[in-house]
């Protein structure tokens, strides 16, 4: 499955999904990203702020890797802000999926559905 198809499957989980992006961990470079069609342009962050956010996420994942031996592999991280919920999932070896949700979203259900999608569909790089 290609990245665009994978992003579409995540958007299909519902209108609570605002944004989906795939990034490379080493430098946080964008593989692909997009907004939910009816929410396009309603970003809380500018493109420059988004780059910073991705870069900080990648540093956080480097920290998680320090404890892999003791705690096991990290599969996702979540930060709940007042205006959004940000999820980051580890995909493949050095690729990460970021998903932004509406603050009132049923994030437990969405996390479960995303994990299921990740297991069922390999994302081709």
N, C-alpha and C. Protein backbone atom coordinates (compact mmCIF):
# COMPACT_ATOMS: atom_id res chain seq x y z
N UNK A 1 0.84 -1.18 0.00
CA UNK A 1 0.00 0.00 0.00
C UNK A 1 0.89 1.24 0.00
N UNK A 2 0.47 2.23 -0.74
CA UNK A 2 1.23 3.47 -0.82
C UNK A 2 0.80 4.43 0.28
N UNK A 3 1.65 5.40 0.54
CA UNK A 3 1.40 6.35 1.64
C UNK A 3 0.05 7.06 1.50
N UNK A 4 -0.25 7.56 0.31
CA UNK A 4 -1.51 8.29 0.11
C UNK A 4 -2.73 7.44 0.43
N UNK A 5 -2.70 6.19 0.01
CA UNK A 5 -3.81 5.28 0.31
C UNK A 5 -3.94 5.06 1.82
N UNK A 6 -2.80 4.93 2.47
CA UNK A 6 -2.80 4.71 3.91
C UNK A 6 -3.39 5.92 4.64
N UNK A 7 -3.01 7.12 4.23
CA UNK A 7 -3.55 8.33 4.84
C UNK A 7 -5.06 8.40 4.63
N UNK A 8 -5.52 8.05 3.44
CA UNK A 8 -6.95 8.06 3.14
C UNK A 8 -7.70 7.12 4.07
N UNK A 9 -7.14 5.93 4.33
CA UNK A 9 -7.79 4.98 5.24
C UNK A 9 -7.92 5.57 6.65
N UNK A 10 -6.95 6.35 7.05
CA UNK A 10 -7.02 6.97 8.38
C UNK A 10 -8.06 8.08 8.38
N UNK A 11 -8.11 8.89 7.32
CA UNK A 11 -9.15 9.92 7.22
C UNK A 11 -10.53 9.29 7.24
N UNK A 12 -10.65 8.10 6.65
CA UNK A 12 -11.94 7.41 6.60
C UNK A 12 -12.43 6.95 7.98
N UNK A 13 -11.57 7.05 8.99
CA UNK A 13 -12.00 6.69 10.35
C UNK A 13 -13.00 7.68 10.92
N UNK A 14 -13.09 8.86 10.31
CA UNK A 14 -14.11 9.81 10.74
C UNK A 14 -13.65 11.25 10.73
N UNK A 15 -14.61 12.13 10.90
CA UNK A 15 -14.33 13.57 10.81
C UNK A 15 -13.54 14.08 12.01
N UNK A 16 -13.37 13.29 13.07
CA UNK A 16 -12.55 13.70 14.21
C UNK A 16 -11.07 13.73 13.84
N UNK A 17 -10.69 13.07 12.74
CA UNK A 17 -9.31 13.07 12.26
C UNK A 17 -9.10 14.35 11.46
N UNK A 18 -8.28 15.26 11.99
CA UNK A 18 -8.04 16.55 11.35
C UNK A 18 -6.91 16.49 10.33
N UNK A 19 -5.84 15.80 10.69
CA UNK A 19 -4.60 15.85 9.94
C UNK A 19 -3.91 14.50 10.05
N UNK A 20 -3.25 14.08 8.97
CA UNK A 20 -2.45 12.85 8.97
C UNK A 20 -1.18 13.13 8.19
N UNK A 21 -0.05 12.67 8.71
CA UNK A 21 1.22 12.85 8.01
C UNK A 21 2.17 11.71 8.28
N UNK A 22 3.04 11.46 7.31
CA UNK A 22 4.11 10.47 7.44
C UNK A 22 5.43 11.22 7.34
N UNK A 23 6.37 10.87 8.25
CA UNK A 23 7.64 11.59 8.35
C UNK A 23 8.79 10.61 8.52
N UNK A 24 9.96 11.02 8.07
CA UNK A 24 11.19 10.26 8.30
C UNK A 24 11.79 10.73 9.62
N UNK A 25 12.23 9.78 10.41
CA UNK A 25 12.72 10.10 11.75
C UNK A 25 14.04 10.83 11.80
N UNK A 26 14.97 10.45 10.95
CA UNK A 26 16.31 11.02 11.05
C UNK A 26 16.31 12.55 10.99
N UNK A 27 15.54 13.11 10.08
CA UNK A 27 15.53 14.56 9.94
C UNK A 27 14.13 15.16 10.03
N UNK A 28 13.13 14.32 10.24
CA UNK A 28 11.75 14.81 10.34
C UNK A 28 11.20 15.28 9.01
N UNK A 29 11.81 14.84 7.91
CA UNK A 29 11.34 15.29 6.60
C UNK A 29 9.97 14.70 6.29
N UNK A 30 9.19 15.48 5.55
CA UNK A 30 7.84 15.09 5.19
C UNK A 30 7.88 14.05 4.07
N UNK A 31 7.20 12.93 4.29
CA UNK A 31 6.97 11.97 3.22
C UNK A 31 5.69 12.39 2.51
N UNK A 32 4.64 12.57 3.29
CA UNK A 32 3.38 13.09 2.78
C UNK A 32 2.53 13.51 3.98
N UNK A 33 1.71 14.52 3.79
CA UNK A 33 0.76 14.90 4.83
C UNK A 33 -0.40 15.65 4.20
N UNK A 34 -1.51 15.68 4.93
CA UNK A 34 -2.71 16.33 4.40
C UNK A 34 -3.70 16.56 5.53
N UNK A 35 -4.65 17.45 5.26
CA UNK A 35 -5.74 17.73 6.19
C UNK A 35 -7.01 17.05 5.72
N UNK A 36 -7.88 16.75 6.66
CA UNK A 36 -9.21 16.22 6.34
C UNK A 36 -9.85 17.21 5.36
N UNK A 37 -10.41 16.75 4.26
CA UNK A 37 -10.91 17.65 3.23
C UNK A 37 -11.81 18.78 3.75
N UNK A 38 -12.75 18.48 4.62
CA UNK A 38 -13.66 19.54 5.08
C UNK A 38 -13.02 20.44 6.14
N UNK A 39 -11.83 20.06 6.61
CA UNK A 39 -11.13 20.87 7.60
C UNK A 39 -9.88 21.52 7.02
N UNK A 40 -9.68 21.38 5.72
CA UNK A 40 -8.48 21.90 5.09
C UNK A 40 -8.30 23.38 5.41
N UNK A 41 -7.10 23.72 5.79
CA UNK A 41 -6.79 25.11 6.09
C UNK A 41 -7.08 25.51 7.51
N UNK A 42 -7.57 24.59 8.34
CA UNK A 42 -7.90 24.92 9.71
C UNK A 42 -6.80 24.46 10.67
N UNK A 43 -5.57 24.57 10.25
CA UNK A 43 -4.45 24.14 11.07
C UNK A 43 -4.23 25.09 12.24
N UNK A 44 -3.88 24.50 13.37
CA UNK A 44 -3.52 25.31 14.54
C UNK A 44 -2.08 25.78 14.45
N UNK A 45 -1.28 25.12 13.62
CA UNK A 45 0.14 25.45 13.49
C UNK A 45 0.45 25.91 12.07
N UNK A 46 1.37 26.83 11.96
CA UNK A 46 1.88 27.23 10.63
C UNK A 46 2.75 26.09 10.12
N UNK A 47 3.13 26.14 8.85
CA UNK A 47 3.99 25.10 8.27
C UNK A 47 5.33 25.06 9.01
N UNK A 48 5.87 26.21 9.37
CA UNK A 48 7.14 26.27 10.11
C UNK A 48 6.98 25.68 11.51
N UNK A 49 5.89 25.99 12.18
CA UNK A 49 5.63 25.41 13.50
C UNK A 49 5.43 23.90 13.41
N UNK A 50 4.81 23.46 12.33
CA UNK A 50 4.62 22.02 12.12
C UNK A 50 5.98 21.33 11.99
N UNK A 51 6.90 21.93 11.24
CA UNK A 51 8.25 21.36 11.11
C UNK A 51 8.92 21.24 12.47
N UNK A 52 8.78 22.28 13.29
CA UNK A 52 9.35 22.24 14.64
C UNK A 52 8.70 21.14 15.47
N UNK A 53 7.40 21.02 15.38
CA UNK A 53 6.67 20.01 16.13
C UNK A 53 7.14 18.60 15.74
N UNK A 54 7.31 18.37 14.44
CA UNK A 54 7.80 17.07 13.96
C UNK A 54 9.20 16.82 14.50
N UNK A 55 10.06 17.83 14.43
CA UNK A 55 11.43 17.68 14.90
C UNK A 55 11.45 17.30 16.39
N UNK A 56 10.61 17.95 17.20
CA UNK A 56 10.55 17.63 18.62
C UNK A 56 9.99 16.22 18.85
N UNK A 57 9.03 15.83 18.03
CA UNK A 57 8.50 14.46 18.11
C UNK A 57 9.60 13.43 17.86
N UNK A 58 10.43 13.69 16.87
CA UNK A 58 11.50 12.75 16.53
C UNK A 58 12.50 12.66 17.69
N UNK A 59 12.78 13.78 18.34
CA UNK A 59 13.67 13.75 19.52
C UNK A 59 13.04 12.94 20.65
N UNK A 60 11.74 13.08 20.81
CA UNK A 60 11.04 12.32 21.84
C UNK A 60 11.16 10.81 21.56
N UNK A 61 11.03 10.43 20.28
CA UNK A 61 11.16 9.01 19.94
C UNK A 61 12.56 8.51 20.21
N UNK A 62 13.56 9.36 19.98
CA UNK A 62 14.93 8.96 20.32
C UNK A 62 15.04 8.66 21.81
N UNK A 63 14.37 9.45 22.63
CA UNK A 63 14.35 9.21 24.08
C UNK A 63 13.66 7.89 24.39
N UNK A 64 12.54 7.61 23.74
CA UNK A 64 11.84 6.35 23.97
C UNK A 64 12.75 5.16 23.67
N UNK A 65 13.56 5.28 22.63
CA UNK A 65 14.45 4.19 22.23
C UNK A 65 15.49 3.88 23.31
N UNK A 66 15.83 4.87 24.14
CA UNK A 66 16.80 4.65 25.22
C UNK A 66 16.31 3.60 26.22
N UNK A 67 14.99 3.46 26.33
CA UNK A 67 14.41 2.55 27.31
C UNK A 67 13.81 1.29 26.69
N UNK A 68 14.13 1.07 25.43
CA UNK A 68 13.58 -0.09 24.71
C UNK A 68 13.93 -1.41 25.43
N UNK A 69 15.16 -1.54 25.88
CA UNK A 69 15.59 -2.78 26.53
C UNK A 69 14.77 -3.05 27.79
N UNK A 70 14.51 -2.01 28.57
CA UNK A 70 13.80 -2.18 29.82
C UNK A 70 12.28 -2.26 29.64
N UNK A 71 11.74 -1.48 28.70
CA UNK A 71 10.29 -1.34 28.59
C UNK A 71 9.68 -1.96 27.34
N UNK A 72 10.52 -2.28 26.37
CA UNK A 72 10.02 -2.81 25.10
C UNK A 72 9.85 -1.69 24.08
N UNK A 73 9.43 -2.06 22.91
CA UNK A 73 9.25 -1.12 21.80
C UNK A 73 8.05 -0.22 22.04
N UNK A 74 8.22 1.08 21.79
CA UNK A 74 7.10 2.02 21.87
C UNK A 74 6.31 1.92 20.57
N UNK A 75 4.99 1.82 20.68
CA UNK A 75 4.18 1.74 19.47
C UNK A 75 3.52 3.07 19.12
N UNK A 76 3.16 3.87 20.14
CA UNK A 76 2.61 5.19 19.86
C UNK A 76 2.79 6.09 21.08
N UNK A 77 2.67 7.39 20.83
CA UNK A 77 2.69 8.39 21.89
C UNK A 77 1.51 9.32 21.66
N UNK A 78 1.00 9.87 22.76
CA UNK A 78 -0.16 10.76 22.65
C UNK A 78 0.06 11.98 23.54
N UNK A 79 -0.31 13.13 22.99
CA UNK A 79 -0.32 14.37 23.76
C UNK A 79 -1.69 15.00 23.55
N UNK A 80 -2.36 15.30 24.67
CA UNK A 80 -3.68 15.92 24.57
C UNK A 80 -3.54 17.39 24.93
N UNK A 81 -3.78 18.23 23.96
CA UNK A 81 -3.77 19.67 24.14
C UNK A 81 -5.22 20.15 24.29
N UNK A 82 -5.37 21.39 24.63
CA UNK A 82 -6.70 21.96 24.75
C UNK A 82 -7.45 21.95 23.41
N UNK A 83 -6.71 22.19 22.31
CA UNK A 83 -7.35 22.33 21.00
C UNK A 83 -7.22 21.12 20.09
N UNK A 84 -6.41 20.15 20.48
CA UNK A 84 -6.21 18.98 19.62
C UNK A 84 -5.58 17.84 20.41
N UNK A 85 -5.69 16.65 19.85
CA UNK A 85 -4.98 15.48 20.38
C UNK A 85 -4.00 15.07 19.30
N UNK A 86 -2.72 14.94 19.67
CA UNK A 86 -1.69 14.58 18.71
C UNK A 86 -1.19 13.18 19.01
N UNK A 87 -1.30 12.30 18.02
CA UNK A 87 -0.84 10.92 18.13
C UNK A 87 0.36 10.73 17.22
N UNK A 88 1.35 9.99 17.68
CA UNK A 88 2.50 9.65 16.85
C UNK A 88 2.73 8.16 16.97
N UNK A 89 2.81 7.48 15.82
CA UNK A 89 3.01 6.04 15.76
C UNK A 89 4.32 5.74 15.05
N UNK A 90 5.04 4.75 15.54
CA UNK A 90 6.24 4.28 14.87
C UNK A 90 5.83 3.33 13.75
N UNK A 91 6.30 3.63 12.54
CA UNK A 91 5.99 2.81 11.36
C UNK A 91 7.31 2.38 10.73
N UNK A 92 7.42 1.14 10.36
CA UNK A 92 8.66 0.65 9.76
C UNK A 92 9.83 0.96 10.69
N UNK A 93 11.02 1.11 10.16
CA UNK A 93 12.18 1.34 11.01
C UNK A 93 12.39 2.80 11.37
N UNK A 94 12.21 3.68 10.43
CA UNK A 94 12.54 5.08 10.68
C UNK A 94 11.48 6.01 10.09
N UNK A 95 10.24 5.58 10.12
CA UNK A 95 9.14 6.40 9.63
C UNK A 95 8.08 6.49 10.70
N UNK A 96 7.45 7.65 10.74
CA UNK A 96 6.48 7.91 11.80
C UNK A 96 5.19 8.47 11.21
N UNK A 97 4.10 8.04 11.78
CA UNK A 97 2.78 8.51 11.41
C UNK A 97 2.32 9.47 12.50
N UNK A 98 1.87 10.66 12.09
CA UNK A 98 1.32 11.63 13.03
C UNK A 98 -0.13 11.89 12.67
N UNK A 99 -0.98 11.88 13.67
CA UNK A 99 -2.41 12.08 13.46
C UNK A 99 -2.89 13.12 14.47
N UNK A 100 -3.59 14.12 13.97
CA UNK A 100 -4.18 15.14 14.82
C UNK A 100 -5.69 14.93 14.85
N UNK A 101 -6.25 14.92 16.07
CA UNK A 101 -7.68 14.67 16.25
C UNK A 101 -8.35 15.88 16.89
N UNK A 102 -9.65 15.95 16.72
CA UNK A 102 -10.44 16.94 17.44
C UNK A 102 -10.30 16.64 18.95
N UNK A 103 -10.34 17.66 19.80
CA UNK A 103 -10.11 17.45 21.23
C UNK A 103 -11.13 16.56 21.93
N UNK A 104 -12.32 16.44 21.37
CA UNK A 104 -13.36 15.60 21.99
C UNK A 104 -13.47 14.23 21.33
N UNK A 105 -12.51 13.87 20.51
CA UNK A 105 -12.54 12.60 19.78
C UNK A 105 -12.45 11.41 20.73
N UNK A 106 -13.01 10.29 20.30
CA UNK A 106 -12.87 9.03 21.04
C UNK A 106 -11.50 8.46 20.68
N UNK A 107 -10.46 9.01 21.29
CA UNK A 107 -9.09 8.69 20.90
C UNK A 107 -8.74 7.22 21.16
N UNK A 108 -9.31 6.60 22.17
CA UNK A 108 -9.01 5.19 22.43
C UNK A 108 -9.46 4.33 21.25
N UNK A 109 -10.64 4.60 20.75
CA UNK A 109 -11.17 3.85 19.60
C UNK A 109 -10.32 4.12 18.36
N UNK A 110 -9.98 5.38 18.13
CA UNK A 110 -9.20 5.74 16.94
C UNK A 110 -7.80 5.13 17.01
N UNK A 111 -7.17 5.16 18.19
CA UNK A 111 -5.85 4.53 18.35
C UNK A 111 -5.95 3.05 18.01
N UNK A 112 -6.94 2.37 18.52
CA UNK A 112 -7.12 0.95 18.24
C UNK A 112 -7.29 0.70 16.75
N UNK A 113 -8.10 1.53 16.09
CA UNK A 113 -8.32 1.36 14.64
C UNK A 113 -7.06 1.64 13.84
N UNK A 114 -6.28 2.64 14.26
CA UNK A 114 -5.03 2.94 13.55
C UNK A 114 -4.04 1.79 13.74
N UNK A 115 -3.93 1.28 14.95
CA UNK A 115 -3.02 0.14 15.19
C UNK A 115 -3.43 -1.05 14.33
N UNK A 116 -4.72 -1.27 14.19
CA UNK A 116 -5.21 -2.36 13.34
C UNK A 116 -4.84 -2.11 11.88
N UNK A 117 -4.99 -0.88 11.42
CA UNK A 117 -4.60 -0.54 10.04
C UNK A 117 -3.11 -0.76 9.82
N UNK A 118 -2.31 -0.36 10.79
CA UNK A 118 -0.86 -0.51 10.67
C UNK A 118 -0.51 -2.00 10.56
N UNK A 119 -1.16 -2.84 11.35
CA UNK A 119 -0.86 -4.28 11.32
C UNK A 119 -1.34 -4.93 10.03
N UNK A 120 -2.46 -4.47 9.49
CA UNK A 120 -3.05 -5.09 8.30
C UNK A 120 -2.41 -4.61 6.99
N UNK A 121 -1.88 -3.41 6.97
CA UNK A 121 -1.38 -2.83 5.73
C UNK A 121 0.06 -2.38 5.88
N UNK A 122 0.91 -2.94 5.08
CA UNK A 122 2.29 -2.44 5.10
C UNK A 122 2.33 -1.17 4.24
N UNK A 123 3.05 -0.19 4.74
CA UNK A 123 3.19 1.07 4.00
C UNK A 123 4.49 0.99 3.22
N UNK A 124 4.39 1.20 1.93
CA UNK A 124 5.54 1.04 1.04
C UNK A 124 6.30 2.37 0.96
N UNK A 125 7.59 2.31 1.20
CA UNK A 125 8.43 3.52 1.13
C UNK A 125 9.20 3.60 -0.16
